[in-house]
Amino acid sequence: MKGFKRQKGQEKPQYAKSRNEVSDLTEKDTQSADDERSGKSKSVSRRDLLKLAGVGGLGLLLGGGGVGAVLSASQRLESMMTEADTKDVVPFYGKHQAGIVTPAQDFICFAAFDLTTRDKEQVRNLFKAWTEASATMTSGVLLGTDNENLNLPPSDTGEAAGLSPSRTTITFGVGPSFFDGRYGLASLKPAGFSELPRFQGDALDEQWCGGDIGVQVCANDLQVAFHALRNLARIARGTAVLRWTQEGFQRTAQADPAGSTPRNLLGFKDGTGNPDTSKADEMNRLVWTQTNDGPAWMGNGSYMAVRRIRMRVEVWDRSTLGDQEDTFGRHRSSGAPLGKSKEFDKLDLAATSPEGKPLTPPTSHVALAHGNGSINILRRSYSYSSGLDKQTGQLDAGLLFISYQRDLFKQFVHIQEKLARNDKLNEYIVHKGSAVFACFPGVSQGGYIGDTLF
């Protein structure tokens, strides 16, 4: 994010007030779904327009030519931009919310909020304020206009000043408790939308469960992600409070320029079986809710399942490699199905060894999660490490499991019930947290988060 440092004698700079100042000038900034997935844009990003506004105010851009002059300036600026400039911003506005099929960034800051007001208008105003702030922060611009006034608290908390947008995405959803009658929206609750059932082996801790609102912030820099979540929490004061938060990570692009499948803290690749997000038909079948699925306001949205899964890494580290591979049903080094050599080789659950034994144990994680291959979900998980468990002296580390699906119960619950009963991996993991959220469709220019519901 670009901050401003005023030198002695220099005129005080003007900050972009909000996305409203330039929204009518940047409608072409919203990319197609393919652009979002690839991270490339053919238009000038909102961040660059706002930076121009910040340097000399919109008057500098407008000059005597009005909007046309701005567009001409944008076109001239576009010719000077590098690919790195354009791929560092993921547009906030679009048909679907960013952060779902967007390629997973390096870090996550996840938060569940509880609403403290019974006034629906206050909730609506919160979503409007969050929309404006999210569009600004994902563009790489400081919030507000009072960041240089010594007599006022700064509008922006400032820890991301000078940092790039880092492909930040902010994704919002509401939990089942949001429809409990406080806001007159009970009739708009999707049929069957409720907290997940208690699965066999669950050891849920209330401090990691539920929430009226879920917010997923992902970015390629942890400080940038934290900045976004912190400012959303600050904006919510008086209307909502944090219920629980969890930070997470995976290997960075610098550590793995090839962008291979991330590994979890047990050393195995995590997400090999994900569906292809570049196939629109596949995403419509598996991820995006359709208007005929339930309430119209959820059309082009998705259902998010969140599970905080603690891994017993100390026990795992004493297991043999053979046992570890039988547990997952894949080779640790390559990620290939047992008996195969490449990660994306087709899984054949009927294949047997010369002795007639299944190459993939039927109780392995991959065998149970795959089933007959007809049911799938989109995983977007991150590892976490929260220091030591003072009661046991062992690491509190594991997986912040997040998945998106068109139908929570036909997809996620169906798979998880099989895993909870028979998965060999259960010897090494325990589910400590659980939450579900109905994620809104994307936001159009001039709209706000949740406007299809309100």
Protein backbone atom coordinates (compact mmCIF):
# COMPACT_ATOMS: atom_id res chain seq x y z
CA MET A 1 0.00 0.00 0.00
CA LYS A 2 1.25 3.38 -0.91
CA GLY A 3 1.58 5.93 1.88
CA PHE A 4 2.78 9.51 1.64
CA LYS A 5 5.60 11.20 3.49
CA ARG A 6 5.43 14.97 3.59
CA GLN A 7 8.70 16.87 3.41
CA LYS A 8 9.21 20.19 5.10
CA GLY A 9 7.68 22.97 3.02
CA GLN A 10 5.84 20.53 0.81
CA GLU A 11 2.14 21.03 0.27
CA LYS A 12 0.05 18.54 2.19
CA PRO A 13 -0.99 15.74 -0.20
CA GLN A 14 -4.60 14.87 -0.91
CA TYR A 15 -5.76 11.30 -0.33
CA ALA A 16 -8.29 9.50 -2.44
CA LYS A 17 -11.42 9.74 -0.33
CA SER A 18 -12.95 6.45 -1.41
CA ARG A 19 -13.73 4.26 -4.36
CA ASN A 20 -16.77 6.48 -5.03
CA GLU A 21 -14.51 9.32 -6.21
CA VAL A 22 -13.24 7.30 -9.10
CA SER A 23 -15.73 4.45 -9.53
CA ASP A 24 -17.33 6.15 -12.53
CA LEU A 25 -13.89 6.49 -14.09
CA THR A 26 -12.82 2.92 -13.57
CA GLU A 27 -15.75 0.73 -14.56
CA LYS A 28 -13.56 -1.04 -17.07
CA ASP A 29 -11.24 -2.06 -14.25
CA THR A 30 -13.39 -5.08 -13.35
CA GLN A 31 -11.84 -8.15 -14.97
CA SER A 32 -13.50 -11.22 -16.39
CA ALA A 33 -13.43 -14.46 -14.40
CA ASP A 34 -10.56 -15.68 -16.53
CA ASP A 35 -8.56 -12.50 -15.78
CA GLU A 36 -9.19 -13.01 -12.09
CA ARG A 37 -7.89 -16.55 -12.20
CA SER A 38 -4.80 -15.64 -14.18
CA GLY A 39 -4.13 -12.48 -12.21
CA LYS A 40 -3.76 -10.37 -15.36
CA SER A 41 -5.67 -7.25 -16.36
CA LYS A 42 -5.76 -5.30 -19.58
CA SER A 43 -7.06 -2.17 -17.85
CA VAL A 44 -5.38 0.28 -15.53
CA SER A 45 -5.91 -0.82 -11.96
CA ARG A 46 -7.89 1.27 -9.52
CA ARG A 47 -4.76 1.44 -7.40
CA ASP A 48 -2.91 3.45 -10.08
CA LEU A 49 -5.79 5.85 -10.61
CA LEU A 50 -6.07 6.41 -6.89
CA LYS A 51 -2.34 6.95 -6.63
CA LEU A 52 -2.63 9.67 -9.25
CA ALA A 53 -5.48 11.18 -7.29
CA GLY A 54 -3.39 11.00 -4.13
CA VAL A 55 -0.42 12.78 -5.67
CA GLY A 56 -2.23 15.78 -6.99
CA GLY A 57 -5.93 15.34 -6.36
CA LEU A 58 -8.57 14.52 -8.93
CA GLY A 59 -8.25 18.06 -10.25
CA LEU A 60 -4.82 17.17 -11.62
CA LEU A 61 -6.33 14.27 -13.50
CA LEU A 62 -9.36 16.15 -14.71
CA GLY A 63 -7.55 19.31 -15.75
CA GLY A 64 -9.76 21.07 -18.25
CA GLY A 65 -10.87 17.94 -20.01
CA GLY A 66 -13.17 16.28 -17.48
CA VAL A 67 -13.65 12.52 -17.51
CA GLY A 68 -12.22 12.17 -21.00
CA ALA A 69 -8.95 13.62 -19.82
CA VAL A 70 -8.80 11.04 -17.03
CA LEU A 71 -9.34 8.19 -19.43
CA SER A 72 -6.64 9.55 -21.71
CA ALA A 73 -4.29 9.77 -18.76
CA SER A 74 -5.22 6.20 -17.82
CA GLN A 75 -4.42 5.00 -21.32
CA ARG A 76 -1.05 6.75 -21.24
CA LEU A 77 -0.32 5.28 -17.82
CA GLU A 78 -1.27 1.79 -19.05
CA SER A 79 1.50 1.86 -21.63
CA MET A 80 4.05 2.43 -18.86
CA MET A 81 2.79 -0.27 -16.50
CA THR A 82 4.62 -3.54 -16.13
CA GLU A 83 3.03 -6.95 -15.82
CA ALA A 84 4.00 -6.92 -12.13
CA ASP A 85 1.91 -3.76 -11.63
CA THR A 86 -1.23 -5.31 -13.07
CA LYS A 87 -1.02 -8.78 -11.57
CA ASP A 88 -0.57 -7.44 -8.04
CA VAL A 89 -4.23 -6.33 -7.81
CA VAL A 90 -7.24 -8.63 -7.77
CA PRO A 91 -10.36 -6.53 -8.51
CA PHE A 92 -12.87 -6.42 -5.67
CA TYR A 93 -15.89 -5.97 -7.94
CA GLY A 94 -17.24 -8.71 -10.18
CA LYS A 95 -19.89 -11.37 -10.76
CA HIS A 96 -18.43 -13.57 -8.02
CA GLN A 97 -16.53 -12.63 -4.90
CA ALA A 98 -12.76 -12.80 -5.25
CA GLY A 99 -10.89 -15.21 -2.99
CA ILE A 100 -12.87 -18.31 -3.95
CA VAL A 101 -11.58 -19.45 -7.34
CA THR A 102 -8.74 -16.93 -7.19
CA PRO A 103 -5.42 -18.83 -7.04
CA ALA A 104 -4.57 -19.19 -3.36
CA GLN A 105 -2.25 -16.52 -2.02
CA ASP A 106 0.55 -17.19 0.45
CA PHE A 107 -1.22 -16.12 3.66
CA ILE A 108 -4.64 -15.92 5.23
CA CYS A 109 -6.20 -13.96 8.09
CA PHE A 110 -9.61 -15.41 8.83
CA ALA A 111 -12.12 -13.91 11.26
CA ALA A 112 -15.60 -14.63 12.51
CA PHE A 113 -17.62 -11.66 13.80
CA ASP A 114 -20.64 -11.47 16.08
CA LEU A 115 -23.09 -8.62 15.56
CA THR A 116 -23.88 -6.53 18.63
CA THR A 117 -26.80 -4.55 17.21
CA ARG A 118 -30.40 -5.46 16.54
CA ASP A 119 -30.81 -2.63 14.03
CA LYS A 120 -30.84 -3.95 10.46
CA GLU A 121 -29.96 -0.53 9.09
CA GLN A 122 -26.76 -0.49 11.12
CA VAL A 123 -25.85 -3.89 9.67
CA ARG A 124 -26.55 -2.63 6.17
CA ASN A 125 -24.37 0.43 6.82
CA LEU A 126 -21.58 -1.82 8.09
CA PHE A 127 -21.60 -3.81 4.86
CA LYS A 128 -21.56 -0.57 2.88
CA ALA A 129 -18.57 0.72 4.85
CA TRP A 130 -16.81 -2.63 4.50
CA THR A 131 -17.40 -2.57 0.74
CA GLU A 132 -15.79 0.84 0.34
CA ALA A 133 -12.87 -0.10 2.59
CA SER A 134 -12.32 -3.46 0.87
CA ALA A 135 -12.31 -1.95 -2.62
CA THR A 136 -9.78 0.63 -1.41
CA MET A 137 -7.48 -1.76 0.47
CA THR A 138 -7.40 -4.40 -2.27
CA SER A 139 -6.35 -1.60 -4.62
CA GLY A 140 -3.36 -0.77 -2.42
CA VAL A 141 -4.52 2.61 -1.11
CA LEU A 142 -4.63 3.97 2.43
CA LEU A 143 -8.10 4.43 3.88
CA GLY A 144 -9.66 7.83 4.41
CA THR A 145 -8.49 11.43 4.20
CA ASP A 146 -7.10 12.11 7.67
CA ASN A 147 -3.70 10.46 7.62
CA GLU A 148 -1.61 13.64 7.97
CA ASN A 149 -3.63 15.64 10.49
CA LEU A 150 -1.72 15.75 13.78
CA ASN A 151 -4.89 16.58 15.69
CA LEU A 152 -6.90 13.54 14.61
CA PRO A 153 -6.48 9.76 14.82
CA PRO A 154 -5.35 8.54 11.38
CA SER A 155 -8.04 7.16 9.09
CA ASP A 156 -5.80 4.19 8.28
CA THR A 157 -3.85 2.15 10.83
CA GLY A 158 -0.78 2.56 8.61
CA GLU A 159 1.12 -0.72 8.89
CA ALA A 160 0.68 -1.40 5.16
CA ALA A 161 1.85 2.03 4.01
CA GLY A 162 4.43 1.64 1.27
CA LEU A 163 3.56 -2.04 0.70
CA SER A 164 2.09 -3.46 -2.49
CA PRO A 165 -1.52 -4.70 -2.63
CA SER A 166 -0.05 -8.24 -2.66
CA ARG A 167 -3.06 -9.67 -4.55
CA THR A 168 -5.28 -9.16 -1.51
CA THR A 169 -8.78 -10.60 -1.65
CA ILE A 170 -11.52 -10.14 0.96
CA THR A 171 -14.42 -12.59 0.96
CA PHE A 172 -17.58 -12.21 3.06
CA GLY A 173 -20.27 -14.61 4.20
CA VAL A 174 -22.97 -14.86 6.86
CA GLY A 175 -23.55 -17.73 9.25
CA PRO A 176 -26.83 -19.46 10.17
CA SER A 177 -27.14 -17.28 13.31
CA PHE A 178 -27.42 -14.21 11.07
CA PHE A 179 -30.97 -15.34 10.24
CA ASP A 180 -32.12 -15.84 13.84
CA GLY A 181 -34.84 -13.18 13.59
CA ARG A 182 -32.98 -10.09 14.80
CA TYR A 183 -33.14 -8.41 11.40
CA GLY A 184 -36.38 -9.73 9.91
CA LEU A 185 -34.48 -11.92 7.44
CA ALA A 186 -35.45 -15.37 8.74
CA SER A 187 -37.62 -16.06 5.70
CA LEU A 188 -34.60 -15.53 3.44
CA LYS A 189 -32.46 -18.15 5.14
CA PRO A 190 -31.48 -20.88 2.66
CA ALA A 191 -33.35 -24.12 3.30
CA GLY A 192 -31.33 -26.46 5.50
CA PHE A 193 -28.60 -23.88 6.13
CA SER A 194 -27.36 -24.68 9.64
CA GLU A 195 -24.19 -25.38 11.56
CA LEU A 196 -22.51 -28.64 10.60
CA PRO A 197 -23.58 -31.78 12.45
CA ARG A 198 -21.24 -33.16 15.06
CA PHE A 199 -19.09 -35.74 13.32
CA GLN A 200 -17.63 -38.84 14.92
CA GLY A 201 -14.38 -37.95 16.67
CA ASP A 202 -15.02 -34.19 16.81
CA ALA A 203 -13.55 -32.44 19.85
CA LEU A 204 -14.89 -28.98 19.09
CA ASP A 205 -13.88 -26.03 21.25
CA GLU A 206 -16.47 -23.25 21.38
CA GLN A 207 -13.79 -20.59 20.99
CA TRP A 208 -13.17 -21.80 17.41
CA CYS A 209 -16.78 -22.24 16.30
CA GLY A 210 -19.59 -20.27 14.68
CA GLY A 211 -20.04 -16.58 13.96
CA ASP A 212 -22.65 -14.25 12.46
CA ILE A 213 -20.25 -13.11 9.73
CA GLY A 214 -17.16 -14.77 8.27
CA VAL A 215 -14.39 -12.77 6.61
CA GLN A 216 -11.56 -14.42 4.70
CA VAL A 217 -8.60 -12.15 3.89
CA CYS A 218 -5.88 -13.66 1.69
CA ALA A 219 -2.73 -11.92 0.45
CA ASN A 220 0.84 -12.61 -0.58
CA ASP A 221 2.06 -10.68 2.45
CA LEU A 222 0.92 -11.43 6.00
CA GLN A 223 1.24 -7.83 7.17
CA VAL A 224 -0.95 -6.63 4.30
CA ALA A 225 -3.55 -9.29 5.14
CA PHE A 226 -3.49 -8.40 8.84
CA HIS A 227 -3.85 -4.72 7.98
CA ALA A 228 -7.02 -5.39 6.02
CA LEU A 229 -8.60 -7.49 8.76
CA ARG A 230 -7.59 -5.04 11.47
CA ASN A 231 -9.20 -2.13 9.65
CA LEU A 232 -12.40 -4.08 9.00
CA ALA A 233 -12.60 -4.83 12.73
CA ARG A 234 -11.96 -1.15 13.53
CA ILE A 235 -14.73 -0.05 11.15
CA ALA A 236 -17.12 -2.55 12.79
CA ARG A 237 -16.78 -1.08 16.29
CA GLY A 238 -20.20 -0.48 17.78
CA THR A 239 -21.85 -2.88 15.34
CA ALA A 240 -19.84 -6.13 15.44
CA VAL A 241 -17.02 -7.67 17.47
CA LEU A 242 -14.48 -10.34 16.67
CA ARG A 243 -15.51 -13.82 17.80
CA TRP A 244 -12.39 -15.73 16.73
CA THR A 245 -9.49 -15.33 14.33
CA GLN A 246 -6.88 -17.58 12.79
CA GLU A 247 -3.85 -16.78 10.66
CA GLY A 248 -2.47 -19.31 8.21
CA PHE A 249 0.27 -19.83 5.66
CA GLN A 250 1.53 -22.00 2.86
CA ARG A 251 4.79 -22.05 0.87
CA THR A 252 5.41 -18.70 -0.76
CA ALA A 253 5.87 -18.03 -4.46
CA GLN A 254 9.48 -17.09 -3.72
CA ALA A 255 10.12 -20.46 -2.09
CA ASP A 256 8.37 -22.36 -4.89
CA PRO A 257 8.44 -20.36 -8.15
CA ALA A 258 6.98 -23.38 -9.99
CA GLY A 259 3.75 -23.01 -8.02
CA SER A 260 3.42 -26.69 -7.22
CA THR A 261 0.70 -28.04 -4.93
CA PRO A 262 1.33 -26.84 -1.35
CA ARG A 263 2.24 -29.34 1.34
CA ASN A 264 0.54 -29.54 4.72
CA LEU A 265 2.43 -29.82 8.01
CA LEU A 266 2.45 -33.62 7.70
CA GLY A 267 4.61 -33.23 4.60
CA PHE A 268 2.05 -34.31 1.99
CA LYS A 269 0.67 -32.32 -0.91
CA ASP A 270 -2.73 -30.84 -0.10
CA GLY A 271 -5.25 -30.04 -2.84
CA THR A 272 -4.13 -32.33 -5.66
CA GLY A 273 -7.71 -33.47 -6.29
CA ASN A 274 -9.18 -29.98 -6.60
CA PRO A 275 -11.46 -29.34 -9.60
CA ASP A 276 -10.20 -27.16 -12.43
CA THR A 277 -11.22 -23.58 -11.59
CA SER A 278 -10.68 -22.49 -15.20
CA LYS A 279 -13.70 -24.53 -16.31
CA ALA A 280 -16.78 -22.36 -15.87
CA ASP A 281 -19.18 -25.30 -16.26
CA GLU A 282 -17.33 -27.22 -13.56
CA MET A 283 -17.46 -24.27 -11.17
CA ASN A 284 -21.17 -23.78 -11.82
CA ARG A 285 -21.75 -27.45 -11.06
CA LEU A 286 -19.61 -27.66 -7.93
CA VAL A 287 -19.00 -24.20 -6.44
CA TRP A 288 -21.38 -21.44 -7.52
CA THR A 289 -24.93 -21.51 -6.24
CA GLN A 290 -27.56 -21.15 -8.93
CA THR A 291 -30.69 -19.01 -8.70
CA ASN A 292 -32.90 -22.11 -8.69
CA ASP A 293 -30.98 -23.68 -5.78
CA GLY A 294 -32.75 -21.59 -3.16
CA PRO A 295 -33.20 -17.91 -2.31
CA ALA A 296 -32.43 -15.68 -5.28
CA TRP A 297 -30.01 -13.53 -3.25
CA MET A 298 -27.52 -16.43 -3.13
CA GLY A 299 -27.27 -16.78 -6.92
CA ASN A 300 -23.58 -16.72 -7.95
CA GLY A 301 -22.52 -17.12 -4.33
CA SER A 302 -21.09 -20.18 -2.60
CA TYR A 303 -21.18 -22.01 0.73
CA MET A 304 -18.02 -22.01 2.82
CA ALA A 305 -17.09 -24.71 5.33
CA VAL A 306 -14.33 -23.93 7.84
CA ARG A 307 -12.69 -26.51 10.08
CA ARG A 308 -9.76 -25.91 12.43
CA ILE A 309 -7.95 -29.25 12.41
CA ARG A 310 -5.16 -29.84 14.88
CA MET A 311 -2.44 -32.23 13.77
CA ARG A 312 -0.62 -34.44 16.25
CA VAL A 313 2.69 -33.72 14.58
CA GLU A 314 4.80 -35.25 17.36
CA VAL A 315 3.07 -38.63 16.94
CA TRP A 316 3.19 -38.38 13.15
CA ASP A 317 6.92 -37.72 13.21
CA ARG A 318 7.48 -41.13 14.85
CA SER A 319 5.54 -42.98 12.13
CA THR A 320 7.29 -44.86 9.33
CA LEU A 321 7.15 -43.49 5.81
CA GLY A 322 5.24 -46.58 4.72
CA ASP A 323 2.56 -45.97 7.33
CA GLN A 324 2.37 -42.30 6.39
CA GLU A 325 1.88 -43.10 2.70
CA ASP A 326 -0.75 -45.74 3.47
CA THR A 327 -2.54 -43.16 5.63
CA PHE A 328 -2.80 -40.64 2.81
CA GLY A 329 -2.91 -43.10 -0.10
CA ARG A 330 -0.22 -41.14 -1.95
CA HIS A 331 3.54 -41.08 -2.21
CA ARG A 332 4.99 -38.34 -0.05
CA SER A 333 7.70 -37.24 -2.47
CA SER A 334 5.72 -36.98 -5.70
CA GLY A 335 2.15 -36.77 -4.46
CA ALA A 336 1.26 -39.56 -6.91
CA PRO A 337 -1.35 -42.20 -6.03
CA LEU A 338 0.27 -45.31 -4.60
CA GLY A 339 1.69 -47.39 -7.41
CA LYS A 340 1.87 -44.39 -9.76
CA SER A 341 4.74 -42.00 -10.47
CA LYS A 342 3.19 -38.56 -11.12
CA GLU A 343 1.04 -36.39 -8.89
CA PHE A 344 -1.87 -36.06 -11.28
CA ASP A 345 -1.91 -39.67 -12.48
CA LYS A 346 -5.45 -41.00 -12.37
CA LEU A 347 -6.44 -42.58 -9.08
CA ASP A 348 -7.42 -46.21 -9.59
CA LEU A 349 -8.96 -47.59 -6.41
CA ALA A 350 -9.42 -51.02 -8.03
CA ALA A 351 -5.69 -51.49 -8.76
CA THR A 352 -4.06 -54.31 -6.81
CA SER A 353 -0.56 -55.48 -6.03
CA PRO A 354 0.83 -58.79 -7.38
CA GLU A 355 -0.33 -60.30 -4.08
CA GLY A 356 -3.87 -59.17 -4.77
CA LYS A 357 -3.97 -56.40 -2.14
CA PRO A 358 -5.40 -52.96 -3.03
CA LEU A 359 -2.61 -50.54 -3.90
CA THR A 360 -4.63 -47.79 -2.23
CA PRO A 361 -5.85 -48.86 1.23
CA PRO A 362 -9.64 -48.43 1.44
CA THR A 363 -9.24 -46.56 4.74
CA SER A 364 -6.72 -44.11 3.30
CA HIS A 365 -7.63 -40.45 3.19
CA VAL A 366 -7.60 -40.20 -0.59
CA ALA A 367 -9.75 -43.32 -1.09
CA LEU A 368 -12.49 -42.08 1.22
CA ALA A 369 -12.37 -38.46 0.07
CA HIS A 370 -12.49 -39.47 -3.60
CA GLY A 371 -15.18 -42.14 -3.32
CA ASN A 372 -16.54 -42.84 -6.79
CA GLY A 373 -15.39 -39.43 -8.01
CA SER A 374 -18.88 -37.99 -8.46
CA ILE A 375 -18.76 -35.60 -5.48
CA ASN A 376 -16.11 -32.94 -5.13
CA ILE A 377 -15.43 -29.67 -3.35
CA LEU A 378 -12.99 -26.78 -3.88
CA ARG A 379 -10.40 -26.80 -1.12
CA ARG A 380 -8.67 -23.58 -0.08
CA SER A 381 -6.77 -24.62 3.04
CA TYR A 382 -3.82 -23.15 4.91
CA SER A 383 -1.49 -24.47 7.57
CA TYR A 384 -1.43 -22.78 10.96
CA SER A 385 0.88 -22.72 13.97
CA SER A 386 -0.35 -21.12 17.18
CA GLY A 387 2.56 -21.84 19.49
CA LEU A 388 2.48 -24.40 22.27
CA ASP A 389 -0.46 -26.06 23.92
CA LYS A 390 0.37 -25.29 27.54
CA GLN A 391 -1.61 -28.29 28.78
CA THR A 392 0.34 -30.84 26.75
CA GLY A 393 3.57 -29.01 25.91
CA GLN A 394 3.02 -29.97 22.27
CA LEU A 395 2.65 -27.79 19.21
CA ASP A 396 -0.78 -26.34 18.50
CA ALA A 397 -0.41 -26.64 14.74
CA GLY A 398 -2.43 -28.03 11.90
CA LEU A 399 -4.73 -27.11 9.06
CA LEU A 400 -7.25 -24.30 8.69
CA PHE A 401 -9.42 -26.28 6.29
CA ILE A 402 -11.64 -24.15 4.07
CA SER A 403 -13.79 -25.48 1.26
CA TYR A 404 -16.31 -23.95 -1.11
CA GLN A 405 -19.23 -25.87 -2.53
CA ARG A 406 -22.61 -25.34 -4.12
CA ASP A 407 -24.37 -27.50 -1.51
CA LEU A 408 -22.95 -27.95 1.99
CA PHE A 409 -24.75 -31.16 2.86
CA LYS A 410 -24.69 -32.96 -0.48
CA GLN A 411 -20.98 -32.23 -0.88
CA PHE A 412 -19.00 -31.40 2.27
CA VAL A 413 -21.10 -33.26 4.84
CA HIS A 414 -21.36 -36.33 2.60
CA ILE A 415 -17.57 -36.52 2.29
CA GLN A 416 -16.81 -35.65 5.93
CA GLU A 417 -19.15 -38.31 7.31
CA LYS A 418 -17.14 -40.99 5.50
CA LEU A 419 -13.85 -39.51 6.64
CA ALA A 420 -14.98 -39.21 10.26
CA ARG A 421 -15.93 -42.89 10.43
CA ASN A 422 -13.08 -44.66 8.69
CA ASP A 423 -10.21 -42.32 7.74
CA LYS A 424 -6.84 -43.69 8.91
CA LEU A 425 -5.72 -40.05 9.16
CA ASN A 426 -7.95 -39.65 12.23
CA GLU A 427 -5.19 -41.26 14.29
CA TYR A 428 -3.17 -38.09 13.78
CA ILE A 429 -5.72 -35.25 13.65
CA VAL A 430 -8.56 -33.83 15.71
CA HIS A 431 -11.20 -31.31 14.64
CA LYS A 432 -11.26 -28.41 17.12
CA GLY A 433 -13.22 -25.72 15.26
CA SER A 434 -16.17 -25.55 12.89
CA ALA A 435 -18.15 -22.85 11.09
CA VAL A 436 -20.18 -22.39 7.91
CA PHE A 437 -21.02 -19.26 5.97
CA ALA A 438 -23.23 -18.41 3.02
CA CYS A 439 -20.95 -16.30 0.85
CA PHE A 440 -22.66 -13.54 -1.10
CA PRO A 441 -22.42 -13.17 -4.87
CA GLY A 442 -19.99 -10.60 -6.17
CA VAL A 443 -20.48 -6.86 -5.83
CA SER A 444 -21.24 -4.61 -8.78
CA GLN A 445 -19.90 -1.07 -9.10
CA GLY A 446 -22.19 1.14 -7.01
CA GLY A 447 -23.45 -1.81 -4.95
CA TYR A 448 -22.35 -3.21 -1.62
CA ILE A 449 -21.70 -6.55 0.05
CA GLY A 450 -24.99 -8.32 0.67
CA ASP A 451 -27.14 -5.91 -1.31
CA THR A 452 -28.94 -8.85 -2.96
CA LEU A 453 -30.03 -9.96 0.54
CA PHE A 454 -30.95 -6.57 1.98
